[in-house]
Amino acid sequence: MNDDIQNDTLQKAIVIGASAGALQALSTILPFLPENYPFPVMIVVHLPSEKKSLIAELMQLRCKIKVIEAEDKIPLRAGTVYFVPADYHMLVEKSGHLSLSAEEPVFFSRPSIDLLFETAADAFGKNLVAIVLTGANSDGAKGSKQIQDMGGAVIVQNPVHARAKAMPEATPKTFERAQK
């Protein structure tokens, strides 16, 4: 773990990125996390920016673990799932806090999965696990590569089981290109 993380109890973290088909994919993972899950879980889902997202509220109804919409400068806590609000990037600060940004979209996406993954990799290093789920673009592939380069783990949904295959297919291709 990066020495800058101030919360000594925060040992590891999980980041998840998803797009088209996210609710179904997340519904097969999050309900199995116990209330006392030992790590924070940060999730970026590409959603329309025109209205408030209800995904955190919907997932809380299905989960034992605490599920909330992230707020700017909120400290990360174990046993909590943080969903990015619509039309914001979610970043992890080395202090162990989240920050929200309205900066320009990255590859046409705000929120950006890559930005979450990259900043979380900087904060947690080898103590980070990324999960790339269903989605219709390559967002998350670059950030996944950075996580892997820093010694973290990357889990990718089998494209056969993804509603949209582009994201789960793009991530392994990023690793293959780097090896050549």
N, C-alpha and C. Protein backbone atom coordinates (compact mmCIF):
# COMPACT_ATOMS: atom_id res chain seq x y z
N MET A 1 0.85 -1.17 0.00
CA MET A 1 0.00 0.00 0.00
C MET A 1 0.89 1.23 0.00
N ASN A 2 0.45 2.27 -0.65
CA ASN A 2 1.18 3.50 -0.71
C ASN A 2 1.28 4.12 0.68
N ASP A 3 2.45 4.63 1.04
CA ASP A 3 2.66 5.21 2.36
C ASP A 3 1.82 6.45 2.60
N ASP A 4 1.30 7.07 1.54
CA ASP A 4 0.51 8.28 1.70
C ASP A 4 -0.90 8.00 2.23
N ILE A 5 -1.40 6.78 2.10
CA ILE A 5 -2.73 6.47 2.62
C ILE A 5 -2.70 6.67 4.13
N GLN A 6 -3.56 7.57 4.61
CA GLN A 6 -3.53 7.93 6.03
C GLN A 6 -4.32 6.96 6.91
N ASN A 7 -5.32 6.32 6.37
CA ASN A 7 -6.16 5.44 7.17
C ASN A 7 -5.45 4.09 7.30
N ASP A 8 -4.84 3.82 8.46
CA ASP A 8 -4.06 2.60 8.65
C ASP A 8 -4.89 1.34 8.50
N THR A 9 -6.20 1.41 8.70
CA THR A 9 -7.04 0.22 8.60
C THR A 9 -7.36 -0.12 7.15
N LEU A 10 -7.06 0.78 6.23
CA LEU A 10 -7.37 0.58 4.82
C LEU A 10 -6.22 -0.17 4.17
N GLN A 11 -6.33 -1.49 4.07
CA GLN A 11 -5.24 -2.30 3.55
C GLN A 11 -5.31 -2.49 2.04
N LYS A 12 -6.50 -2.74 1.54
CA LYS A 12 -6.68 -3.04 0.12
C LYS A 12 -7.95 -2.36 -0.36
N ALA A 13 -8.15 -2.37 -1.67
CA ALA A 13 -9.36 -1.81 -2.25
C ALA A 13 -9.72 -2.56 -3.52
N ILE A 14 -10.98 -2.44 -3.89
CA ILE A 14 -11.51 -3.03 -5.12
C ILE A 14 -12.07 -1.89 -5.97
N VAL A 15 -11.79 -1.92 -7.27
CA VAL A 15 -12.41 -0.98 -8.21
C VAL A 15 -13.10 -1.80 -9.29
N ILE A 16 -14.26 -1.32 -9.71
CA ILE A 16 -15.05 -2.03 -10.72
C ILE A 16 -15.48 -1.02 -11.78
N GLY A 17 -15.37 -1.42 -13.04
CA GLY A 17 -15.84 -0.60 -14.14
C GLY A 17 -16.81 -1.38 -15.00
N ALA A 18 -17.91 -0.72 -15.38
CA ALA A 18 -18.92 -1.38 -16.21
C ALA A 18 -19.68 -0.33 -17.01
N SER A 19 -20.35 -0.80 -18.04
CA SER A 19 -21.16 0.09 -18.88
C SER A 19 -22.45 -0.65 -19.22
N ALA A 20 -22.73 -0.84 -20.49
CA ALA A 20 -23.97 -1.50 -20.90
C ALA A 20 -24.09 -2.87 -20.25
N GLY A 21 -25.20 -3.11 -19.57
CA GLY A 21 -25.42 -4.37 -18.88
C GLY A 21 -24.90 -4.39 -17.45
N ALA A 22 -24.50 -3.22 -16.93
CA ALA A 22 -23.86 -3.14 -15.61
C ALA A 22 -24.75 -3.61 -14.48
N LEU A 23 -26.01 -3.22 -14.47
CA LEU A 23 -26.88 -3.57 -13.35
C LEU A 23 -26.98 -5.08 -13.19
N GLN A 24 -27.16 -5.78 -14.29
CA GLN A 24 -27.24 -7.24 -14.24
C GLN A 24 -25.92 -7.85 -13.75
N ALA A 25 -24.81 -7.37 -14.29
CA ALA A 25 -23.50 -7.92 -13.90
C ALA A 25 -23.20 -7.65 -12.43
N LEU A 26 -23.45 -6.43 -11.98
CA LEU A 26 -23.19 -6.08 -10.58
C LEU A 26 -24.11 -6.83 -9.64
N SER A 27 -25.31 -7.16 -10.11
CA SER A 27 -26.26 -7.91 -9.28
C SER A 27 -25.81 -9.34 -9.03
N THR A 28 -24.84 -9.80 -9.78
CA THR A 28 -24.31 -11.16 -9.55
C THR A 28 -23.08 -11.13 -8.63
N ILE A 29 -22.62 -9.93 -8.27
CA ILE A 29 -21.43 -9.81 -7.42
C ILE A 29 -21.76 -9.18 -6.07
N LEU A 30 -22.30 -7.98 -6.10
CA LEU A 30 -22.44 -7.18 -4.87
C LEU A 30 -23.31 -7.81 -3.79
N PRO A 31 -24.42 -8.48 -4.11
CA PRO A 31 -25.23 -9.07 -3.03
C PRO A 31 -24.49 -10.12 -2.20
N PHE A 32 -23.39 -10.61 -2.69
CA PHE A 32 -22.64 -11.63 -1.96
C PHE A 32 -21.57 -11.04 -1.03
N LEU A 33 -21.39 -9.73 -1.07
CA LEU A 33 -20.43 -9.10 -0.17
C LEU A 33 -21.08 -8.91 1.20
N PRO A 34 -20.42 -9.35 2.27
CA PRO A 34 -21.01 -9.22 3.60
C PRO A 34 -20.96 -7.77 4.10
N GLU A 35 -21.77 -7.50 5.07
CA GLU A 35 -21.83 -6.17 5.67
C GLU A 35 -20.46 -5.72 6.19
N ASN A 36 -19.69 -6.65 6.70
CA ASN A 36 -18.37 -6.33 7.27
C ASN A 36 -17.23 -6.60 6.28
N TYR A 37 -17.48 -6.46 4.99
CA TYR A 37 -16.45 -6.69 3.98
C TYR A 37 -15.23 -5.83 4.32
N PRO A 38 -14.02 -6.38 4.27
CA PRO A 38 -12.86 -5.68 4.82
C PRO A 38 -12.25 -4.59 3.93
N PHE A 39 -12.82 -4.34 2.75
CA PHE A 39 -12.24 -3.35 1.84
C PHE A 39 -13.32 -2.41 1.31
N PRO A 40 -12.92 -1.21 0.87
CA PRO A 40 -13.85 -0.35 0.14
C PRO A 40 -13.94 -0.83 -1.31
N VAL A 41 -15.09 -0.61 -1.93
CA VAL A 41 -15.32 -0.97 -3.32
C VAL A 41 -15.80 0.29 -4.04
N MET A 42 -15.08 0.69 -5.08
CA MET A 42 -15.44 1.88 -5.85
C MET A 42 -15.87 1.47 -7.24
N ILE A 43 -17.01 2.00 -7.67
CA ILE A 43 -17.59 1.54 -8.94
C ILE A 43 -17.91 2.71 -9.85
N VAL A 44 -17.44 2.61 -11.09
CA VAL A 44 -17.83 3.53 -12.15
C VAL A 44 -18.72 2.76 -13.12
N VAL A 45 -19.90 3.31 -13.36
CA VAL A 45 -20.82 2.78 -14.37
C VAL A 45 -21.14 3.92 -15.31
N HIS A 46 -21.03 3.68 -16.61
CA HIS A 46 -21.42 4.70 -17.58
C HIS A 46 -22.94 4.79 -17.59
N LEU A 47 -23.45 5.94 -17.21
CA LEU A 47 -24.90 6.17 -17.17
C LEU A 47 -25.21 7.50 -17.82
N PRO A 48 -26.45 7.69 -18.28
CA PRO A 48 -26.82 8.99 -18.85
C PRO A 48 -26.63 10.11 -17.83
N SER A 49 -26.16 11.26 -18.29
CA SER A 49 -25.87 12.37 -17.38
C SER A 49 -27.06 13.29 -17.17
N GLU A 50 -28.15 13.07 -17.89
CA GLU A 50 -29.28 14.00 -17.84
C GLU A 50 -30.03 13.98 -16.51
N LYS A 51 -29.97 12.87 -15.80
CA LYS A 51 -30.72 12.80 -14.55
C LYS A 51 -29.93 12.04 -13.49
N LYS A 52 -30.34 12.21 -12.24
CA LYS A 52 -29.67 11.55 -11.12
C LYS A 52 -29.75 10.04 -11.27
N SER A 53 -28.64 9.39 -10.98
CA SER A 53 -28.59 7.94 -11.03
C SER A 53 -29.20 7.36 -9.76
N LEU A 54 -29.93 6.29 -9.91
CA LEU A 54 -30.51 5.58 -8.77
C LEU A 54 -29.82 4.24 -8.53
N ILE A 55 -28.71 4.00 -9.21
CA ILE A 55 -28.08 2.68 -9.12
C ILE A 55 -27.62 2.36 -7.70
N ALA A 56 -27.11 3.34 -6.96
CA ALA A 56 -26.68 3.07 -5.58
C ALA A 56 -27.87 2.65 -4.73
N GLU A 57 -28.98 3.35 -4.88
CA GLU A 57 -30.18 3.01 -4.11
C GLU A 57 -30.72 1.64 -4.50
N LEU A 58 -30.74 1.34 -5.79
CA LEU A 58 -31.21 0.03 -6.25
C LEU A 58 -30.33 -1.09 -5.73
N MET A 59 -29.02 -0.90 -5.78
CA MET A 59 -28.12 -1.94 -5.31
C MET A 59 -28.19 -2.10 -3.79
N GLN A 60 -28.43 -1.01 -3.05
CA GLN A 60 -28.53 -1.12 -1.60
C GLN A 60 -29.68 -2.04 -1.21
N LEU A 61 -30.76 -2.02 -1.99
CA LEU A 61 -31.91 -2.88 -1.71
C LEU A 61 -31.57 -4.36 -1.84
N ARG A 62 -30.53 -4.67 -2.62
CA ARG A 62 -30.14 -6.07 -2.87
C ARG A 62 -28.95 -6.52 -2.04
N CYS A 63 -28.32 -5.60 -1.31
CA CYS A 63 -27.04 -5.90 -0.68
C CYS A 63 -27.08 -5.80 0.84
N LYS A 64 -26.19 -6.55 1.47
CA LYS A 64 -25.96 -6.43 2.91
C LYS A 64 -24.94 -5.32 3.19
N ILE A 65 -23.93 -5.21 2.32
CA ILE A 65 -22.90 -4.19 2.46
C ILE A 65 -23.51 -2.81 2.23
N LYS A 66 -22.96 -1.81 2.88
CA LYS A 66 -23.42 -0.43 2.71
C LYS A 66 -23.10 0.04 1.29
N VAL A 67 -24.09 0.60 0.59
CA VAL A 67 -23.92 1.09 -0.77
C VAL A 67 -24.35 2.55 -0.81
N ILE A 68 -23.45 3.43 -1.27
CA ILE A 68 -23.77 4.85 -1.32
C ILE A 68 -23.28 5.47 -2.62
N GLU A 69 -23.81 6.65 -2.92
CA GLU A 69 -23.27 7.46 -4.00
C GLU A 69 -22.13 8.28 -3.41
N ALA A 70 -21.00 8.27 -4.07
CA ALA A 70 -19.81 8.97 -3.57
C ALA A 70 -20.05 10.47 -3.50
N GLU A 71 -19.38 11.09 -2.54
CA GLU A 71 -19.39 12.54 -2.39
C GLU A 71 -17.95 13.03 -2.44
N ASP A 72 -17.77 14.27 -2.84
CA ASP A 72 -16.43 14.84 -2.93
C ASP A 72 -15.77 14.88 -1.55
N LYS A 73 -14.53 14.44 -1.50
CA LYS A 73 -13.68 14.44 -0.30
C LYS A 73 -14.12 13.47 0.79
N ILE A 74 -14.98 12.52 0.46
CA ILE A 74 -15.41 11.52 1.43
C ILE A 74 -14.26 10.54 1.68
N PRO A 75 -14.01 10.18 2.95
CA PRO A 75 -12.95 9.20 3.21
C PRO A 75 -13.41 7.79 2.86
N LEU A 76 -12.51 7.01 2.29
CA LEU A 76 -12.83 5.62 1.98
C LEU A 76 -12.91 4.82 3.28
N ARG A 77 -13.90 3.95 3.35
CA ARG A 77 -14.09 3.09 4.52
C ARG A 77 -14.32 1.66 4.06
N ALA A 78 -13.75 0.73 4.79
CA ALA A 78 -14.02 -0.69 4.53
C ALA A 78 -15.51 -0.94 4.71
N GLY A 79 -16.02 -1.94 4.00
CA GLY A 79 -17.43 -2.29 4.14
C GLY A 79 -18.39 -1.32 3.48
N THR A 80 -17.89 -0.55 2.52
CA THR A 80 -18.73 0.41 1.81
C THR A 80 -18.47 0.32 0.32
N VAL A 81 -19.55 0.34 -0.46
CA VAL A 81 -19.48 0.40 -1.92
C VAL A 81 -19.81 1.83 -2.31
N TYR A 82 -18.95 2.43 -3.13
CA TYR A 82 -19.11 3.81 -3.58
C TYR A 82 -19.40 3.82 -5.08
N PHE A 83 -20.56 4.34 -5.46
CA PHE A 83 -20.89 4.53 -6.88
C PHE A 83 -20.62 5.99 -7.24
N VAL A 84 -20.04 6.21 -8.39
CA VAL A 84 -19.81 7.57 -8.86
C VAL A 84 -21.15 8.20 -9.24
N PRO A 85 -21.37 9.48 -8.90
CA PRO A 85 -22.58 10.16 -9.35
C PRO A 85 -22.52 10.39 -10.87
N ALA A 86 -23.67 10.52 -11.48
CA ALA A 86 -23.74 10.77 -12.92
C ALA A 86 -22.98 12.04 -13.28
N ASP A 87 -22.26 11.98 -14.38
CA ASP A 87 -21.57 13.11 -15.00
C ASP A 87 -20.37 13.64 -14.20
N TYR A 88 -19.80 12.81 -13.34
CA TYR A 88 -18.57 13.16 -12.62
C TYR A 88 -17.54 12.05 -12.82
N HIS A 89 -16.28 12.43 -12.81
CA HIS A 89 -15.20 11.46 -12.68
C HIS A 89 -14.99 11.22 -11.19
N MET A 90 -14.65 9.99 -10.82
CA MET A 90 -14.33 9.68 -9.43
C MET A 90 -12.84 9.33 -9.36
N LEU A 91 -12.12 10.02 -8.50
CA LEU A 91 -10.68 9.85 -8.35
C LEU A 91 -10.36 9.45 -6.92
N VAL A 92 -9.31 8.68 -6.74
CA VAL A 92 -8.85 8.29 -5.41
C VAL A 92 -7.62 9.11 -5.08
N GLU A 93 -7.68 9.81 -3.97
CA GLU A 93 -6.53 10.60 -3.52
C GLU A 93 -5.61 9.72 -2.67
N LYS A 94 -4.35 10.04 -2.65
CA LYS A 94 -3.40 9.25 -1.87
C LYS A 94 -3.67 9.34 -0.37
N SER A 95 -4.48 10.31 0.04
CA SER A 95 -4.86 10.44 1.44
C SER A 95 -5.93 9.43 1.85
N GLY A 96 -6.48 8.69 0.86
CA GLY A 96 -7.54 7.74 1.15
C GLY A 96 -8.93 8.33 1.05
N HIS A 97 -9.04 9.46 0.37
CA HIS A 97 -10.33 10.11 0.14
C HIS A 97 -10.69 10.01 -1.34
N LEU A 98 -11.97 10.13 -1.63
CA LEU A 98 -12.43 10.22 -3.01
C LEU A 98 -12.58 11.69 -3.37
N SER A 99 -12.37 11.99 -4.63
CA SER A 99 -12.69 13.33 -5.11
C SER A 99 -13.49 13.18 -6.39
N LEU A 100 -14.38 14.12 -6.61
CA LEU A 100 -15.22 14.13 -7.80
C LEU A 100 -14.77 15.28 -8.69
N SER A 101 -14.77 15.04 -9.98
CA SER A 101 -14.29 16.03 -10.93
C SER A 101 -15.27 16.14 -12.10
N ALA A 102 -15.49 17.37 -12.53
CA ALA A 102 -16.33 17.63 -13.71
C ALA A 102 -15.45 17.96 -14.92
N GLU A 103 -14.19 17.54 -14.88
CA GLU A 103 -13.29 17.75 -16.02
C GLU A 103 -13.88 17.12 -17.28
N GLU A 104 -13.29 17.45 -18.40
CA GLU A 104 -13.78 16.96 -19.69
C GLU A 104 -13.88 15.43 -19.72
N PRO A 105 -14.80 14.90 -20.52
CA PRO A 105 -14.89 13.44 -20.69
C PRO A 105 -13.57 12.86 -21.21
N VAL A 106 -13.30 11.63 -20.84
CA VAL A 106 -12.13 10.90 -21.31
C VAL A 106 -12.66 9.82 -22.26
N PHE A 107 -12.23 9.85 -23.50
CA PHE A 107 -12.75 8.94 -24.52
C PHE A 107 -14.28 8.94 -24.51
N PHE A 108 -14.84 10.15 -24.50
CA PHE A 108 -16.29 10.38 -24.57
C PHE A 108 -17.04 9.93 -23.32
N SER A 109 -16.33 9.65 -22.24
CA SER A 109 -16.99 9.15 -21.03
C SER A 109 -16.70 10.04 -19.83
N ARG A 110 -17.74 10.41 -19.15
CA ARG A 110 -17.66 11.01 -17.82
C ARG A 110 -18.84 10.47 -17.06
N PRO A 111 -18.56 9.53 -16.20
CA PRO A 111 -17.31 9.18 -15.54
C PRO A 111 -16.41 8.29 -16.40
N SER A 112 -15.13 8.35 -16.09
CA SER A 112 -14.13 7.53 -16.77
C SER A 112 -13.67 6.40 -15.85
N ILE A 113 -13.74 5.20 -16.36
CA ILE A 113 -13.23 4.04 -15.62
C ILE A 113 -11.71 4.13 -15.53
N ASP A 114 -11.06 4.51 -16.63
CA ASP A 114 -9.60 4.62 -16.62
C ASP A 114 -9.11 5.57 -15.52
N LEU A 115 -9.75 6.72 -15.36
CA LEU A 115 -9.30 7.67 -14.33
C LEU A 115 -9.44 7.08 -12.93
N LEU A 116 -10.54 6.40 -12.65
CA LEU A 116 -10.67 5.75 -11.35
C LEU A 116 -9.57 4.73 -11.16
N PHE A 117 -9.39 3.85 -12.14
CA PHE A 117 -8.40 2.79 -12.03
C PHE A 117 -6.98 3.36 -11.85
N GLU A 118 -6.63 4.37 -12.63
CA GLU A 118 -5.28 4.94 -12.57
C GLU A 118 -5.02 5.61 -11.22
N THR A 119 -5.97 6.40 -10.72
CA THR A 119 -5.75 7.08 -9.44
C THR A 119 -5.78 6.08 -8.28
N ALA A 120 -6.60 5.05 -8.37
CA ALA A 120 -6.61 4.01 -7.34
C ALA A 120 -5.29 3.24 -7.35
N ALA A 121 -4.74 2.99 -8.54
CA ALA A 121 -3.44 2.31 -8.64
C ALA A 121 -2.36 3.15 -7.98
N ASP A 122 -2.39 4.45 -8.19
CA ASP A 122 -1.41 5.33 -7.55
C ASP A 122 -1.53 5.30 -6.03
N ALA A 123 -2.75 5.19 -5.53
CA ALA A 123 -2.98 5.21 -4.08
C ALA A 123 -2.72 3.86 -3.42
N PHE A 124 -3.11 2.76 -4.08
CA PHE A 124 -3.05 1.44 -3.44
C PHE A 124 -1.97 0.52 -3.99
N GLY A 125 -1.44 0.82 -5.18
CA GLY A 125 -0.38 -0.02 -5.75
C GLY A 125 -0.78 -1.47 -5.86
N LYS A 126 0.06 -2.36 -5.34
CA LYS A 126 -0.17 -3.80 -5.46
C LYS A 126 -1.36 -4.29 -4.64
N ASN A 127 -1.90 -3.46 -3.79
CA ASN A 127 -3.03 -3.85 -2.93
C ASN A 127 -4.38 -3.49 -3.53
N LEU A 128 -4.43 -3.43 -4.85
CA LEU A 128 -5.65 -3.07 -5.55
C LEU A 128 -6.08 -4.21 -6.47
N VAL A 129 -7.37 -4.46 -6.49
CA VAL A 129 -7.97 -5.43 -7.42
C VAL A 129 -8.96 -4.68 -8.29
N ALA A 130 -8.84 -4.84 -9.59
CA ALA A 130 -9.77 -4.23 -10.54
C ALA A 130 -10.62 -5.32 -11.17
N ILE A 131 -11.89 -4.99 -11.39
CA ILE A 131 -12.80 -5.90 -12.08
C ILE A 131 -13.40 -5.14 -13.26
N VAL A 132 -13.21 -5.67 -14.45
CA VAL A 132 -13.76 -5.07 -15.67
C VAL A 132 -14.93 -5.93 -16.11
N LEU A 133 -16.10 -5.29 -16.19
CA LEU A 133 -17.32 -6.00 -16.57
C LEU A 133 -17.81 -5.54 -17.94
N THR A 134 -18.98 -5.94 -18.28
CA THR A 134 -19.63 -5.65 -19.55
C THR A 134 -19.56 -4.16 -19.92
N GLY A 135 -19.39 -3.88 -21.19
CA GLY A 135 -19.36 -2.50 -21.66
C GLY A 135 -19.09 -2.42 -23.14
N ALA A 136 -19.49 -1.28 -23.73
CA ALA A 136 -19.45 -1.14 -25.18
C ALA A 136 -18.29 -0.30 -25.71
N ASN A 137 -17.26 -0.08 -24.88
CA ASN A 137 -16.08 0.62 -25.39
C ASN A 137 -14.84 0.06 -24.69
N SER A 138 -13.72 0.73 -24.81
CA SER A 138 -12.48 0.19 -24.21
C SER A 138 -12.11 0.89 -22.90
N ASP A 139 -13.01 1.68 -22.33
CA ASP A 139 -12.72 2.36 -21.07
C ASP A 139 -12.37 1.32 -20.01
N GLY A 140 -11.33 1.56 -19.27
CA GLY A 140 -10.87 0.64 -18.24
C GLY A 140 -9.64 -0.16 -18.65
N ALA A 141 -9.40 -0.31 -19.94
CA ALA A 141 -8.27 -1.12 -20.40
C ALA A 141 -6.93 -0.47 -20.02
N LYS A 142 -6.80 0.82 -20.26
CA LYS A 142 -5.55 1.52 -19.94
C LYS A 142 -5.30 1.51 -18.43
N GLY A 143 -6.33 1.82 -17.66
CA GLY A 143 -6.19 1.81 -16.20
C GLY A 143 -5.88 0.43 -15.66
N SER A 144 -6.46 -0.60 -16.26
CA SER A 144 -6.18 -1.98 -15.85
C SER A 144 -4.71 -2.32 -16.06
N LYS A 145 -4.17 -1.85 -17.16
CA LYS A 145 -2.75 -2.09 -17.45
C LYS A 145 -1.88 -1.43 -16.38
N GLN A 146 -2.24 -0.22 -15.97
CA GLN A 146 -1.46 0.46 -14.92
C GLN A 146 -1.55 -0.31 -13.60
N ILE A 147 -2.73 -0.81 -13.27
CA ILE A 147 -2.89 -1.61 -12.05
C ILE A 147 -2.00 -2.84 -12.11
N GLN A 148 -2.02 -3.53 -13.24
CA GLN A 148 -1.18 -4.72 -13.40
C GLN A 148 0.31 -4.35 -13.30
N ASP A 149 0.70 -3.26 -13.92
CA ASP A 149 2.10 -2.83 -13.88
C ASP A 149 2.57 -2.52 -12.46
N MET A 150 1.64 -2.10 -11.60
CA MET A 150 1.99 -1.76 -10.21
C MET A 150 1.84 -2.96 -9.28
N GLY A 151 1.55 -4.14 -9.85
CA GLY A 151 1.48 -5.35 -9.05
C GLY A 151 0.10 -5.71 -8.56
N GLY A 152 -0.91 -4.93 -8.94
CA GLY A 152 -2.28 -5.24 -8.56
C GLY A 152 -2.85 -6.34 -9.43
N ALA A 153 -4.05 -6.77 -9.09
CA ALA A 153 -4.71 -7.85 -9.84
C ALA A 153 -5.85 -7.28 -10.68
N VAL A 154 -6.06 -7.88 -11.84
CA VAL A 154 -7.14 -7.47 -12.74
C VAL A 154 -7.96 -8.71 -13.08
N ILE A 155 -9.25 -8.61 -12.86
CA ILE A 155 -10.20 -9.68 -13.19
C ILE A 155 -11.11 -9.15 -14.29
N VAL A 156 -11.28 -9.92 -15.35
CA VAL A 156 -12.08 -9.48 -16.48
C VAL A 156 -13.22 -10.48 -16.70
N GLN A 157 -14.43 -9.95 -16.84
CA GLN A 157 -15.58 -10.80 -17.13
C GLN A 157 -15.36 -11.52 -18.46
N ASN A 158 -15.72 -12.78 -18.51
CA ASN A 158 -15.65 -13.53 -19.76
C ASN A 158 -16.59 -12.86 -20.76
N PRO A 159 -16.07 -12.41 -21.91
CA PRO A 159 -16.92 -11.74 -22.89
C PRO A 159 -18.14 -12.55 -23.32
N VAL A 160 -18.05 -13.87 -23.26
CA VAL A 160 -19.18 -14.73 -23.62
C VAL A 160 -20.39 -14.44 -22.73
N HIS A 161 -20.13 -14.04 -21.48
CA HIS A 161 -21.20 -13.80 -20.52
C HIS A 161 -21.55 -12.32 -20.38
N ALA A 162 -20.90 -11.45 -21.13
CA ALA A 162 -21.13 -10.01 -21.04
C ALA A 162 -22.22 -9.59 -22.02
N ARG A 163 -23.08 -8.68 -21.57
CA ARG A 163 -24.10 -8.14 -22.47
C ARG A 163 -23.43 -7.36 -23.62
N ALA A 164 -22.39 -6.60 -23.28
CA ALA A 164 -21.60 -5.89 -24.29
C ALA A 164 -20.15 -6.35 -24.13
N LYS A 165 -19.56 -6.85 -25.18
CA LYS A 165 -18.27 -7.53 -25.11
C LYS A 165 -17.04 -6.63 -25.23
N ALA A 166 -17.21 -5.38 -25.68
CA ALA A 166 -16.05 -4.54 -26.01
C ALA A 166 -15.10 -4.32 -24.84
N MET A 167 -15.62 -3.97 -23.67
CA MET A 167 -14.72 -3.71 -22.53
C MET A 167 -14.00 -4.97 -22.08
N PRO A 168 -14.70 -6.09 -21.89
CA PRO A 168 -13.96 -7.29 -21.47
C PRO A 168 -13.00 -7.82 -22.54
N GLU A 169 -13.23 -7.49 -23.79
CA GLU A 169 -12.29 -7.91 -24.84
C GLU A 169 -11.09 -6.97 -24.94
N ALA A 170 -11.30 -5.67 -24.69
CA ALA A 170 -10.24 -4.68 -24.86
C ALA A 170 -9.15 -4.80 -23.79
N THR A 171 -9.52 -5.16 -22.57
CA THR A 171 -8.54 -5.18 -21.48
C THR A 171 -7.42 -6.20 -21.72
N PRO A 172 -7.71 -7.45 -22.02
CA PRO A 172 -6.61 -8.40 -22.30
C PRO A 172 -5.77 -7.99 -23.51
N LYS A 173 -6.39 -7.35 -24.49
CA LYS A 173 -5.63 -6.90 -25.67
C LYS A 173 -4.61 -5.84 -25.29
N THR A 174 -4.95 -4.99 -24.32
CA THR A 174 -4.00 -3.98 -23.84
C THR A 174 -2.78 -4.65 -23.23
N PHE A 175 -2.99 -5.73 -22.48
CA PHE A 175 -1.87 -6.46 -21.87
C PHE A 175 -1.02 -7.13 -22.96
N GLU A 176 -1.67 -7.69 -23.97
CA GLU A 176 -0.95 -8.38 -25.05
C GLU A 176 -0.07 -7.40 -25.81
N ARG A 177 -0.60 -6.20 -26.12
CA ARG A 177 0.18 -5.19 -26.85
C ARG A 177 1.41 -4.77 -26.05
N ALA A 178 1.26 -4.68 -24.75
CA ALA A 178 2.38 -4.25 -23.90
C ALA A 178 3.48 -5.31 -23.84
N GLN A 179 3.14 -6.57 -24.05
CA GLN A 179 4.12 -7.64 -23.98
C GLN A 179 4.94 -7.77 -25.26
N LYS A 180 4.47 -7.18 -26.34
CA LYS A 180 5.17 -7.30 -27.63
C LYS A 180 6.31 -6.33 -27.73
